[in-house]
Amino acid sequence: MKDVLIGVVIVLVICIGVDFIYSEKNSCLVTESFTTENVKCGFLKKQMNIDIKFLDRYW
């Protein structure tokens, strides 16, 4: 069971790292409080429109 949890943590860290690199090249328009701004966004925001703001990016 311990090995499975370690594997899941490793996969999550790799996915976050890849998405961080992906978000460096991509940007999208986000509307917040009557303002629209162009921000860096990752795969979840770009493809699935899920708003998770972390480290000054939308994942």
PDB file of N, CA and C in Angstrom:
ATOM      1  N   MET A   1       0.824  -1.189   0.000  1.00  0.00           N
ATOM      2  CA  MET A   1       0.000   0.000   0.000  1.00  0.00           C
ATOM      3  C   MET A   1       0.872   1.258   0.000  1.00  0.00           C
ATOM      4  N   LYS A   2       1.980   1.192   0.720  1.00  0.00           N
ATOM      5  CA  LYS A   2       2.887   2.334   0.786  1.00  0.00           C
ATOM      6  C   LYS A   2       3.478   2.641  -0.589  1.00  0.00           C
ATOM      7  N   ASP A   3       3.804   1.593  -1.347  1.00  0.00           N
ATOM      8  CA  ASP A   3       4.377   1.782  -2.681  1.00  0.00           C
ATOM      9  C   ASP A   3       3.375   2.440  -3.632  1.00  0.00           C
ATOM     10  N   VAL A   4       2.099   2.099  -3.499  1.00  0.00           N
ATOM     11  CA  VAL A   4       1.057   2.698  -4.344  1.00  0.00           C
ATOM     12  C   VAL A   4       0.934   4.191  -4.059  1.00  0.00           C
ATOM     13  N   LEU A   5       0.951   4.573  -2.797  1.00  0.00           N
ATOM     14  CA  LEU A   5       0.854   5.984  -2.436  1.00  0.00           C
ATOM     15  C   LEU A   5       2.067   6.772  -2.931  1.00  0.00           C
ATOM     16  N   ILE A   6       3.233   6.190  -2.828  1.00  0.00           N
ATOM     17  CA  ILE A   6       4.441   6.851  -3.334  1.00  0.00           C
ATOM     18  C   ILE A   6       4.345   7.014  -4.846  1.00  0.00           C
ATOM     19  N   GLY A   7       3.845   6.020  -5.538  1.00  0.00           N
ATOM     20  CA  GLY A   7       3.669   6.098  -6.989  1.00  0.00           C
ATOM     21  C   GLY A   7       2.686   7.181  -7.386  1.00  0.00           C
ATOM     22  N   VAL A   8       1.589   7.302  -6.657  1.00  0.00           N
ATOM     23  CA  VAL A   8       0.589   8.332  -6.948  1.00  0.00           C
ATOM     24  C   VAL A   8       1.180   9.722  -6.731  1.00  0.00           C
ATOM     25  N   VAL A   9       1.946   9.894  -5.660  1.00  0.00           N
ATOM     26  CA  VAL A   9       2.581  11.187  -5.388  1.00  0.00           C
ATOM     27  C   VAL A   9       3.567  11.537  -6.497  1.00  0.00           C
ATOM     28  N   ILE A  10       4.342  10.580  -6.947  1.00  0.00           N
ATOM     29  CA  ILE A  10       5.304  10.812  -8.022  1.00  0.00           C
ATOM     30  C   ILE A  10       4.588  11.215  -9.305  1.00  0.00           C
ATOM     31  N   VAL A  11       3.501  10.543  -9.661  1.00  0.00           N
ATOM     32  CA  VAL A  11       2.739  10.873 -10.868  1.00  0.00           C
ATOM     33  C   VAL A  11       2.154  12.279 -10.762  1.00  0.00           C
ATOM     34  N   LEU A  12       1.614  12.653  -9.612  1.00  0.00           N
ATOM     35  CA  LEU A  12       1.054  13.988  -9.432  1.00  0.00           C
ATOM     36  C   LEU A  12       2.117  15.071  -9.565  1.00  0.00           C
ATOM     37  N   VAL A  13       3.281  14.847  -8.997  1.00  0.00           N
ATOM     38  CA  VAL A  13       4.372  15.824  -9.083  1.00  0.00           C
ATOM     39  C   VAL A  13       4.832  15.978 -10.533  1.00  0.00           C
ATOM     40  N   ILE A  14       4.925  14.894 -11.260  1.00  0.00           N
ATOM     41  CA  ILE A  14       5.330  14.953 -12.662  1.00  0.00           C
ATOM     42  C   ILE A  14       4.278  15.693 -13.487  1.00  0.00           C
ATOM     43  N   CYS A  15       2.998  15.418 -13.241  1.00  0.00           N
ATOM     44  CA  CYS A  15       1.932  16.107 -13.973  1.00  0.00           C
ATOM     45  C   CYS A  15       1.948  17.601 -13.702  1.00  0.00           C
ATOM     46  N   ILE A  16       2.162  18.001 -12.463  1.00  0.00           N
ATOM     47  CA  ILE A  16       2.230  19.424 -12.129  1.00  0.00           C
ATOM     48  C   ILE A  16       3.448  20.067 -12.796  1.00  0.00           C
ATOM     49  N   GLY A  17       4.562  19.379 -12.819  1.00  0.00           N
ATOM     50  CA  GLY A  17       5.760  19.914 -13.471  1.00  0.00           C
ATOM     51  C   GLY A  17       5.581  20.096 -14.967  1.00  0.00           C
ATOM     52  N   VAL A  18       4.987  19.110 -15.621  1.00  0.00           N
ATOM     53  CA  VAL A  18       4.737  19.207 -17.062  1.00  0.00           C
ATOM     54  C   VAL A  18       3.747  20.327 -17.353  1.00  0.00           C
ATOM     55  N   ASP A  19       2.703  20.451 -16.554  1.00  0.00           N
ATOM     56  CA  ASP A  19       1.721  21.507 -16.756  1.00  0.00           C
ATOM     57  C   ASP A  19       2.325  22.883 -16.498  1.00  0.00           C
ATOM     58  N   PHE A  20       3.267  22.989 -15.556  1.00  0.00           N
ATOM     59  CA  PHE A  20       3.951  24.256 -15.293  1.00  0.00           C
ATOM     60  C   PHE A  20       4.749  24.679 -16.521  1.00  0.00           C
ATOM     61  N   ILE A  21       5.445  23.739 -17.133  1.00  0.00           N
ATOM     62  CA  ILE A  21       6.213  24.026 -18.344  1.00  0.00           C
ATOM     63  C   ILE A  21       5.267  24.375 -19.496  1.00  0.00           C
ATOM     64  N   TYR A  22       4.153  23.649 -19.618  1.00  0.00           N
ATOM     65  CA  TYR A  22       3.157  23.907 -20.656  1.00  0.00           C
ATOM     66  C   TYR A  22       2.568  25.307 -20.511  1.00  0.00           C
ATOM     67  N   SER A  23       2.354  25.748 -19.281  1.00  0.00           N
ATOM     68  CA  SER A  23       1.730  27.050 -19.051  1.00  0.00           C
ATOM     69  C   SER A  23       2.675  28.211 -19.355  1.00  0.00           C
ATOM     70  N   GLU A  24       3.976  27.959 -19.446  1.00  0.00           N
ATOM     71  CA  GLU A  24       4.915  29.016 -19.804  1.00  0.00           C
ATOM     72  C   GLU A  24       4.656  29.525 -21.214  1.00  0.00           C
ATOM     73  N   LYS A  25       4.221  28.645 -22.104  1.00  0.00           N
ATOM     74  CA  LYS A  25       4.048  29.004 -23.510  1.00  0.00           C
ATOM     75  C   LYS A  25       2.624  29.415 -23.854  1.00  0.00           C
ATOM     76  N   ASN A  26       1.656  29.134 -22.997  1.00  0.00           N
ATOM     77  CA  ASN A  26       0.254  29.377 -23.320  1.00  0.00           C
ATOM     78  C   ASN A  26      -0.334  30.457 -22.432  1.00  0.00           C
ATOM     79  N   SER A  27      -1.253  31.199 -23.012  1.00  0.00           N
ATOM     80  CA  SER A  27      -1.951  32.221 -22.238  1.00  0.00           C
ATOM     81  C   SER A  27      -3.420  32.224 -22.642  1.00  0.00           C
ATOM     82  N   CYS A  28      -4.255  32.755 -21.773  1.00  0.00           N
ATOM     83  CA  CYS A  28      -5.680  32.837 -22.048  1.00  0.00           C
ATOM     84  C   CYS A  28      -6.254  34.078 -21.374  1.00  0.00           C
ATOM     85  N   LEU A  29      -7.414  34.490 -21.807  1.00  0.00           N
ATOM     86  CA  LEU A  29      -8.067  35.658 -21.239  1.00  0.00           C
ATOM     87  C   LEU A  29      -8.945  35.238 -20.073  1.00  0.00           C
ATOM     88  N   VAL A  30      -8.796  35.920 -18.938  1.00  0.00           N
ATOM     89  CA  VAL A  30      -9.560  35.617 -17.736  1.00  0.00           C
ATOM     90  C   VAL A  30     -10.245  36.898 -17.274  1.00  0.00           C
ATOM     91  N   THR A  31     -11.539  36.805 -16.984  1.00  0.00           N
ATOM     92  CA  THR A  31     -12.295  37.951 -16.504  1.00  0.00           C
ATOM     93  C   THR A  31     -12.490  37.833 -15.003  1.00  0.00           C
ATOM     94  N   GLU A  32     -12.010  38.848 -14.283  1.00  0.00           N
ATOM     95  CA  GLU A  32     -12.150  38.899 -12.829  1.00  0.00           C
ATOM     96  C   GLU A  32     -12.592  40.299 -12.434  1.00  0.00           C
ATOM     97  N   SER A  33     -13.679  40.413 -11.747  1.00  0.00           N
ATOM     98  CA  SER A  33     -14.139  41.688 -11.190  1.00  0.00           C
ATOM     99  C   SER A  33     -14.108  42.829 -12.217  1.00  0.00           C
ATOM    100  N   PHE A  34     -14.780  42.637 -13.302  1.00  0.00           N
ATOM    101  CA  PHE A  34     -14.943  43.647 -14.352  1.00  0.00           C
ATOM    102  C   PHE A  34     -13.667  43.962 -15.123  1.00  0.00           C
ATOM    103  N   THR A  35     -12.637  43.176 -14.973  1.00  0.00           N
ATOM    104  CA  THR A  35     -11.415  43.369 -15.753  1.00  0.00           C
ATOM    105  C   THR A  35     -11.069  42.070 -16.471  1.00  0.00           C
ATOM    106  N   THR A  36     -10.541  42.213 -17.663  1.00  0.00           N
ATOM    107  CA  THR A  36     -10.096  41.057 -18.433  1.00  0.00           C
ATOM    108  C   THR A  36      -8.588  41.162 -18.581  1.00  0.00           C
ATOM    109  N   GLU A  37      -7.904  40.099 -18.222  1.00  0.00           N
ATOM    110  CA  GLU A  37      -6.455  40.114 -18.322  1.00  0.00           C
ATOM    111  C   GLU A  37      -5.945  38.851 -19.002  1.00  0.00           C
ATOM    112  N   ASN A  38      -4.801  38.975 -19.634  1.00  0.00           N
ATOM    113  CA  ASN A  38      -4.158  37.868 -20.305  1.00  0.00           C
ATOM    114  C   ASN A  38      -3.184  37.227 -19.322  1.00  0.00           C
ATOM    115  N   VAL A  39      -3.434  35.981 -18.916  1.00  0.00           N
ATOM    116  CA  VAL A  39      -2.608  35.301 -17.928  1.00  0.00           C
ATOM    117  C   VAL A  39      -2.102  33.975 -18.493  1.00  0.00           C
ATOM    118  N   LYS A  40      -1.069  33.457 -17.866  1.00  0.00           N
ATOM    119  CA  LYS A  40      -0.565  32.144 -18.253  1.00  0.00           C
ATOM    120  C   LYS A  40      -1.542  31.090 -17.761  1.00  0.00           C
ATOM    121  N   CYS A  41      -1.817  30.111 -18.602  1.00  0.00           N
ATOM    122  CA  CYS A  41      -2.747  29.066 -18.183  1.00  0.00           C
ATOM    123  C   CYS A  41      -2.260  27.706 -18.665  1.00  0.00           C
ATOM    124  N   GLY A  42      -2.549  26.715 -17.872  1.00  0.00           N
ATOM    125  CA  GLY A  42      -2.138  25.353 -18.160  1.00  0.00           C
ATOM    126  C   GLY A  42      -3.205  24.561 -18.886  1.00  0.00           C
ATOM    127  N   PHE A  43      -3.018  23.267 -18.924  1.00  0.00           N
ATOM    128  CA  PHE A  43      -3.885  22.372 -19.687  1.00  0.00           C
ATOM    129  C   PHE A  43      -5.323  22.348 -19.156  1.00  0.00           C
ATOM    130  N   LEU A  44      -5.496  22.290 -17.830  1.00  0.00           N
ATOM    131  CA  LEU A  44      -6.853  22.208 -17.273  1.00  0.00           C
ATOM    132  C   LEU A  44      -7.675  23.440 -17.592  1.00  0.00           C
ATOM    133  N   LYS A  45      -7.068  24.609 -17.536  1.00  0.00           N
ATOM    134  CA  LYS A  45      -7.792  25.841 -17.846  1.00  0.00           C
ATOM    135  C   LYS A  45      -8.059  25.942 -19.340  1.00  0.00           C
ATOM    136  N   LYS A  46      -7.069  25.624 -20.143  1.00  0.00           N
ATOM    137  CA  LYS A  46      -7.172  25.788 -21.596  1.00  0.00           C
ATOM    138  C   LYS A  46      -8.169  24.812 -22.204  1.00  0.00           C
ATOM    139  N   GLN A  47      -8.139  23.555 -21.802  1.00  0.00           N
ATOM    140  CA  GLN A  47      -8.966  22.537 -22.431  1.00  0.00           C
ATOM    141  C   GLN A  47     -10.288  22.300 -21.725  1.00  0.00           C
ATOM    142  N   MET A  48     -10.301  22.366 -20.395  1.00  0.00           N
ATOM    143  CA  MET A  48     -11.494  22.000 -19.631  1.00  0.00           C
ATOM    144  C   MET A  48     -12.139  23.170 -18.906  1.00  0.00           C
ATOM    145  N   ASN A  49     -11.525  24.355 -18.987  1.00  0.00           N
ATOM    146  CA  ASN A  49     -12.039  25.575 -18.370  1.00  0.00           C
ATOM    147  C   ASN A  49     -12.269  25.414 -16.862  1.00  0.00           C
ATOM    148  N   ILE A  50     -11.308  24.796 -16.189  1.00  0.00           N
ATOM    149  CA  ILE A  50     -11.337  24.650 -14.741  1.00  0.00           C
ATOM    150  C   ILE A  50     -10.435  25.725 -14.151  1.00  0.00           C
ATOM    151  N   ASP A  51     -10.966  26.553 -13.257  1.00  0.00           N
ATOM    152  CA  ASP A  51     -10.207  27.663 -12.685  1.00  0.00           C
ATOM    153  C   ASP A  51      -9.529  27.254 -11.382  1.00  0.00           C
ATOM    154  N   ILE A  52      -8.236  26.986 -11.462  1.00  0.00           N
ATOM    155  CA  ILE A  52      -7.423  26.720 -10.281  1.00  0.00           C
ATOM    156  C   ILE A  52      -6.261  27.699 -10.354  1.00  0.00           C
ATOM    157  N   LYS A  53      -6.286  28.753  -9.541  1.00  0.00           N
ATOM    158  CA  LYS A  53      -5.219  29.752  -9.572  1.00  0.00           C
ATOM    159  C   LYS A  53      -4.197  29.407  -8.491  1.00  0.00           C
ATOM    160  N   PHE A  54      -2.967  29.182  -8.937  1.00  0.00           N
ATOM    161  CA  PHE A  54      -1.884  28.803  -8.044  1.00  0.00           C
ATOM    162  C   PHE A  54      -0.574  29.265  -8.668  1.00  0.00           C
ATOM    163  N   LEU A  55       0.284  29.894  -7.906  1.00  0.00           N
ATOM    164  CA  LEU A  55       1.572  30.402  -8.372  1.00  0.00           C
ATOM    165  C   LEU A  55       1.419  31.393  -9.531  1.00  0.00           C
ATOM    166  N   ASP A  56       0.404  32.254  -9.443  1.00  0.00           N
ATOM    167  CA  ASP A  56       0.165  33.309 -10.437  1.00  0.00           C
ATOM    168  C   ASP A  56      -0.175  32.759 -11.825  1.00  0.00           C
ATOM    169  N   ARG A  57      -0.731  31.564 -11.880  1.00  0.00           N
ATOM    170  CA  ARG A  57      -1.156  30.938 -13.123  1.00  0.00           C
ATOM    171  C   ARG A  57      -2.494  30.274 -12.928  1.00  0.00           C
ATOM    172  N   TYR A  58      -3.164  30.028 -14.020  1.00  0.00           N
ATOM    173  CA  TYR A  58      -4.394  29.221 -13.978  1.00  0.00           C
ATOM    174  C   TYR A  58      -4.056  27.843 -14.506  1.00  0.00           C
ATOM    175  N   TRP A  59      -4.291  26.851 -13.695  1.00  0.00           N
ATOM    176  CA  TRP A  59      -3.979  25.477 -14.065  1.00  0.00           C
ATOM    177  C   TRP A  59      -5.208  24.880 -14.595  1.00  0.00           C
TER     178      TRP A  59
END
